[in-house]
Amino acid sequence: MARPSNKNIQAKLVLVGDMGTGKTSLVLRFVKGQFFDHQEPTIGAAFFTQLLSLNEATVKFDIWDTAGQERYHSLAPMYYRGAAAAVVVYDISNVDTFVRAKKWVQELQKQGNKNLVMALVANKCDLESKREVKTEVFQILHSPPSPCLE
């Protein structure tokens, strides 16, 4: 519930990345606190909302979880148009998803909102023994490696 003195902010958030990277699992954990070992692929896109109460404001996130299948890629601009933030997700156990994540970042930089805030998320850290994307890759991108969050 918003505090009377707080301002209310509405923000569109979009998740993009290849199929199977765990976008829906991230959203379900954030919105409902749920996690399932097996999650059905998203068809087209799924919509969620989540309120986040901070000291200075209450943020209502309108979250678009996009499908990762290539056949739905052409629909993605419809979902990220006007977004305040984008989460680009890749699977640490699949280097191809990381390569595609870089392409997503480039596409968002080119076609997204000029003030778009982006986060690159290394997902599936529980698959460390199958890791294909090494943490050293981040140094190449001029960013320090970040530990997986649980």
C-alpha atoms as a PDB file:
ATOM      1  CA  MET A   1       0.000   0.000   0.000  1.00  0.00           C
ATOM      2  CA  ALA A   2       1.335   3.397  -0.968  1.00  0.00           C
ATOM      3  CA  ARG A   3       2.068   5.851   1.812  1.00  0.00           C
ATOM      4  CA  PRO A   4       0.147   9.145   1.453  1.00  0.00           C
ATOM      5  CA  SER A   5       3.371  11.201   1.262  1.00  0.00           C
ATOM      6  CA  ASN A   6       4.964   8.859  -1.276  1.00  0.00           C
ATOM      7  CA  LYS A   7       4.805   9.424  -4.960  1.00  0.00           C
ATOM      8  CA  ASN A   8       3.540   6.644  -7.197  1.00  0.00           C
ATOM      9  CA  ILE A   9       5.592   5.627 -10.196  1.00  0.00           C
ATOM     10  CA  GLN A  10       4.499   3.293 -12.963  1.00  0.00           C
ATOM     11  CA  ALA A  11       7.302   1.632 -14.918  1.00  0.00           C
ATOM     12  CA  LYS A  12       7.229  -0.748 -17.856  1.00  0.00           C
ATOM     13  CA  LEU A  13       9.786  -3.536 -17.512  1.00  0.00           C
ATOM     14  CA  VAL A  14      10.547  -6.070 -20.244  1.00  0.00           C
ATOM     15  CA  LEU A  15      12.507  -9.324 -20.072  1.00  0.00           C
ATOM     16  CA  VAL A  16      14.228 -10.508 -23.244  1.00  0.00           C
ATOM     17  CA  GLY A  17      16.590 -13.324 -24.104  1.00  0.00           C
ATOM     18  CA  ASP A  18      16.685 -16.730 -25.726  1.00  0.00           C
ATOM     19  CA  MET A  19      14.244 -19.520 -25.004  1.00  0.00           C
ATOM     20  CA  GLY A  20      15.110 -21.502 -21.909  1.00  0.00           C
ATOM     21  CA  THR A  21      17.203 -18.837 -20.197  1.00  0.00           C
ATOM     22  CA  GLY A  22      14.790 -18.608 -17.252  1.00  0.00           C
ATOM     23  CA  LYS A  23      13.026 -15.297 -17.880  1.00  0.00           C
ATOM     24  CA  THR A  24       9.663 -16.603 -16.668  1.00  0.00           C
ATOM     25  CA  SER A  25      11.265 -18.183 -13.607  1.00  0.00           C
ATOM     26  CA  LEU A  26      12.838 -14.835 -12.688  1.00  0.00           C
ATOM     27  CA  VAL A  27       9.498 -13.041 -13.070  1.00  0.00           C
ATOM     28  CA  LEU A  28       7.572 -15.648 -11.073  1.00  0.00           C
ATOM     29  CA  ARG A  29      10.144 -15.448  -8.280  1.00  0.00           C
ATOM     30  CA  PHE A  30       9.894 -11.629  -8.217  1.00  0.00           C
ATOM     31  CA  VAL A  31       6.106 -11.398  -8.477  1.00  0.00           C
ATOM     32  CA  LYS A  32       4.869 -14.506  -6.650  1.00  0.00           C
ATOM     33  CA  GLY A  33       7.892 -15.849  -4.786  1.00  0.00           C
ATOM     34  CA  GLN A  34       7.485 -19.123  -6.721  1.00  0.00           C
ATOM     35  CA  PHE A  35       9.962 -21.394  -8.451  1.00  0.00           C
ATOM     36  CA  PHE A  36       9.260 -24.512 -10.498  1.00  0.00           C
ATOM     37  CA  ASP A  37      11.917 -26.956 -11.705  1.00  0.00           C
ATOM     38  CA  HIS A  38      10.122 -27.170 -15.047  1.00  0.00           C
ATOM     39  CA  GLN A  39       8.483 -24.126 -16.607  1.00  0.00           C
ATOM     40  CA  GLU A  40       6.518 -24.292 -19.855  1.00  0.00           C
ATOM     41  CA  PRO A  41       7.805 -21.982 -22.613  1.00  0.00           C
ATOM     42  CA  THR A  42       6.081 -18.616 -22.904  1.00  0.00           C
ATOM     43  CA  ILE A  43       3.960 -18.188 -26.018  1.00  0.00           C
ATOM     44  CA  GLY A  44       4.193 -14.636 -27.399  1.00  0.00           C
ATOM     45  CA  ALA A  45       4.488 -12.816 -24.079  1.00  0.00           C
ATOM     46  CA  ALA A  46       3.100 -12.918 -20.560  1.00  0.00           C
ATOM     47  CA  PHE A  47       2.089  -9.892 -18.502  1.00  0.00           C
ATOM     48  CA  PHE A  48       2.586  -9.427 -14.757  1.00  0.00           C
ATOM     49  CA  THR A  49       2.422  -6.544 -12.308  1.00  0.00           C
ATOM     50  CA  GLN A  50       4.296  -6.017  -9.073  1.00  0.00           C
ATOM     51  CA  LEU A  51       4.262  -3.208  -6.507  1.00  0.00           C
ATOM     52  CA  LEU A  52       7.504  -2.296  -4.809  1.00  0.00           C
ATOM     53  CA  SER A  53       7.273   0.093  -1.868  1.00  0.00           C
ATOM     54  CA  LEU A  54      10.367   2.145  -1.235  1.00  0.00           C
ATOM     55  CA  ASN A  55      10.938   4.934   1.294  1.00  0.00           C
ATOM     56  CA  GLU A  56      10.561   7.675  -1.312  1.00  0.00           C
ATOM     57  CA  ALA A  57       8.084   6.090  -3.738  1.00  0.00           C
ATOM     58  CA  THR A  58       5.889   3.166  -4.615  1.00  0.00           C
ATOM     59  CA  VAL A  59       6.732   1.656  -7.982  1.00  0.00           C
ATOM     60  CA  LYS A  60       4.196  -0.335  -9.948  1.00  0.00           C
ATOM     61  CA  PHE A  61       6.002  -2.503 -12.471  1.00  0.00           C
ATOM     62  CA  ASP A  62       4.144  -3.546 -15.613  1.00  0.00           C
ATOM     63  CA  ILE A  63       6.253  -6.544 -16.583  1.00  0.00           C
ATOM     64  CA  TRP A  64       6.333  -8.090 -20.043  1.00  0.00           C
ATOM     65  CA  ASP A  65       7.958 -11.535 -20.135  1.00  0.00           C
ATOM     66  CA  THR A  66       8.692 -12.139 -23.820  1.00  0.00           C
ATOM     67  CA  ALA A  67       8.939 -15.512 -25.540  1.00  0.00           C
ATOM     68  CA  GLY A  68      12.466 -16.555 -26.417  1.00  0.00           C
ATOM     69  CA  GLN A  69      11.652 -18.609 -29.484  1.00  0.00           C
ATOM     70  CA  GLU A  70      13.054 -17.108 -32.680  1.00  0.00           C
ATOM     71  CA  ARG A  71       9.625 -17.133 -34.345  1.00  0.00           C
ATOM     72  CA  TYR A  72       8.412 -14.552 -31.785  1.00  0.00           C
ATOM     73  CA  HIS A  73      11.452 -12.267 -32.097  1.00  0.00           C
ATOM     74  CA  SER A  74       9.691  -9.919 -34.511  1.00  0.00           C
ATOM     75  CA  LEU A  75       7.067  -9.211 -31.814  1.00  0.00           C
ATOM     76  CA  ALA A  76       9.638  -8.082 -29.243  1.00  0.00           C
ATOM     77  CA  PRO A  77       9.691  -4.373 -30.245  1.00  0.00           C
ATOM     78  CA  MET A  78       5.974  -4.203 -29.469  1.00  0.00           C
ATOM     79  CA  TYR A  79       6.768  -5.176 -25.876  1.00  0.00           C
ATOM     80  CA  TYR A  80       9.923  -3.139 -25.254  1.00  0.00           C
ATOM     81  CA  ARG A  81       8.637   0.035 -26.931  1.00  0.00           C
ATOM     82  CA  GLY A  82       8.214   2.618 -24.181  1.00  0.00           C
ATOM     83  CA  ALA A  83       9.859   0.435 -21.546  1.00  0.00           C
ATOM     84  CA  ALA A  84      11.709   2.178 -18.729  1.00  0.00           C
ATOM     85  CA  ALA A  85      13.881  -0.877 -18.095  1.00  0.00           C
ATOM     86  CA  ALA A  86      14.910  -4.113 -19.766  1.00  0.00           C
ATOM     87  CA  VAL A  87      16.381  -7.271 -18.292  1.00  0.00           C
ATOM     88  CA  VAL A  88      18.447  -9.228 -20.815  1.00  0.00           C
ATOM     89  CA  VAL A  89      18.786 -12.815 -19.594  1.00  0.00           C
ATOM     90  CA  TYR A  90      21.235 -15.532 -20.578  1.00  0.00           C
ATOM     91  CA  ASP A  91      21.939 -19.041 -19.294  1.00  0.00           C
ATOM     92  CA  ILE A  92      25.482 -19.529 -17.931  1.00  0.00           C
ATOM     93  CA  SER A  93      25.419 -23.144 -19.145  1.00  0.00           C
ATOM     94  CA  ASN A  94      24.728 -22.167 -22.775  1.00  0.00           C
ATOM     95  CA  VAL A  95      27.228 -19.842 -24.463  1.00  0.00           C
ATOM     96  CA  ASP A  96      24.900 -19.318 -27.444  1.00  0.00           C
ATOM     97  CA  THR A  97      22.414 -17.545 -25.156  1.00  0.00           C
ATOM     98  CA  PHE A  98      25.197 -15.165 -24.108  1.00  0.00           C
ATOM     99  CA  VAL A  99      26.083 -14.403 -27.732  1.00  0.00           C
ATOM    100  CA  ARG A 100      22.390 -13.681 -28.415  1.00  0.00           C
ATOM    101  CA  ALA A 101      22.188 -11.554 -25.239  1.00  0.00           C
ATOM    102  CA  LYS A 102      24.787  -9.215 -26.721  1.00  0.00           C
ATOM    103  CA  LYS A 103      22.588  -8.923 -29.822  1.00  0.00           C
ATOM    104  CA  TRP A 104      19.570  -8.133 -27.608  1.00  0.00           C
ATOM    105  CA  VAL A 105      21.541  -5.361 -25.900  1.00  0.00           C
ATOM    106  CA  GLN A 106      22.508  -3.901 -29.280  1.00  0.00           C
ATOM    107  CA  GLU A 107      18.909  -4.072 -30.500  1.00  0.00           C
ATOM    108  CA  LEU A 108      17.604  -2.369 -27.366  1.00  0.00           C
ATOM    109  CA  GLN A 109      20.257   0.352 -27.648  1.00  0.00           C
ATOM    110  CA  LYS A 110      19.274   0.950 -31.255  1.00  0.00           C
ATOM    111  CA  GLN A 111      15.476   0.673 -31.068  1.00  0.00           C
ATOM    112  CA  GLY A 112      14.538   1.048 -27.415  1.00  0.00           C
ATOM    113  CA  ASN A 113      13.762   4.110 -25.336  1.00  0.00           C
ATOM    114  CA  LYS A 114      16.848   6.390 -25.316  1.00  0.00           C
ATOM    115  CA  ASN A 115      16.740   6.476 -21.473  1.00  0.00           C
ATOM    116  CA  LEU A 116      16.224   2.719 -21.150  1.00  0.00           C
ATOM    117  CA  VAL A 117      17.942   1.164 -18.143  1.00  0.00           C
ATOM    118  CA  MET A 118      19.305  -2.289 -18.971  1.00  0.00           C
ATOM    119  CA  ALA A 119      20.488  -5.133 -16.799  1.00  0.00           C
ATOM    120  CA  LEU A 120      22.338  -8.173 -18.114  1.00  0.00           C
ATOM    121  CA  VAL A 121      21.445 -11.187 -15.979  1.00  0.00           C
ATOM    122  CA  ALA A 122      23.519 -14.380 -15.798  1.00  0.00           C
ATOM    123  CA  ASN A 123      20.916 -16.979 -14.886  1.00  0.00           C
ATOM    124  CA  LYS A 124      20.925 -20.634 -13.841  1.00  0.00           C
ATOM    125  CA  CYS A 125      23.834 -20.239 -11.453  1.00  0.00           C
ATOM    126  CA  ASP A 126      22.794 -23.556  -9.931  1.00  0.00           C
ATOM    127  CA  LEU A 127      24.310 -25.131 -13.072  1.00  0.00           C
ATOM    128  CA  GLU A 128      27.843 -23.964 -12.190  1.00  0.00           C
ATOM    129  CA  SER A 129      29.285 -27.404 -13.013  1.00  0.00           C
ATOM    130  CA  LYS A 130      27.952 -26.988 -16.585  1.00  0.00           C
ATOM    131  CA  ARG A 131      29.071 -23.357 -16.953  1.00  0.00           C
ATOM    132  CA  GLU A 132      30.008 -22.413 -20.533  1.00  0.00           C
ATOM    133  CA  VAL A 133      30.112 -18.628 -20.056  1.00  0.00           C
ATOM    134  CA  LYS A 134      33.155 -17.936 -17.924  1.00  0.00           C
ATOM    135  CA  THR A 135      33.192 -15.028 -15.503  1.00  0.00           C
ATOM    136  CA  GLU A 136      36.282 -13.709 -17.310  1.00  0.00           C
ATOM    137  CA  VAL A 137      33.962 -12.724 -20.181  1.00  0.00           C
ATOM    138  CA  PHE A 138      32.774  -9.830 -18.029  1.00  0.00           C
ATOM    139  CA  GLN A 139      36.287  -8.411 -17.908  1.00  0.00           C
ATOM    140  CA  ILE A 140      36.262  -8.328 -21.710  1.00  0.00           C
ATOM    141  CA  LEU A 141      33.041  -6.309 -21.479  1.00  0.00           C
ATOM    142  CA  HIS A 142      34.793  -3.891 -19.061  1.00  0.00           C
ATOM    143  CA  SER A 143      32.540  -4.836 -16.179  1.00  0.00           C
ATOM    144  CA  PRO A 144      33.596  -6.604 -13.013  1.00  0.00           C
ATOM    145  CA  PRO A 145      32.254 -10.138 -12.570  1.00  0.00           C
ATOM    146  CA  SER A 146      29.244 -10.319 -10.321  1.00  0.00           C
ATOM    147  CA  PRO A 147      28.422 -13.309  -8.142  1.00  0.00           C
ATOM    148  CA  CYS A 148      25.191 -15.157  -8.744  1.00  0.00           C
ATOM    149  CA  LEU A 149      22.401 -14.051  -6.466  1.00  0.00           C
ATOM    150  CA  GLU A 150      20.270 -16.619  -4.729  1.00  0.00           C
END
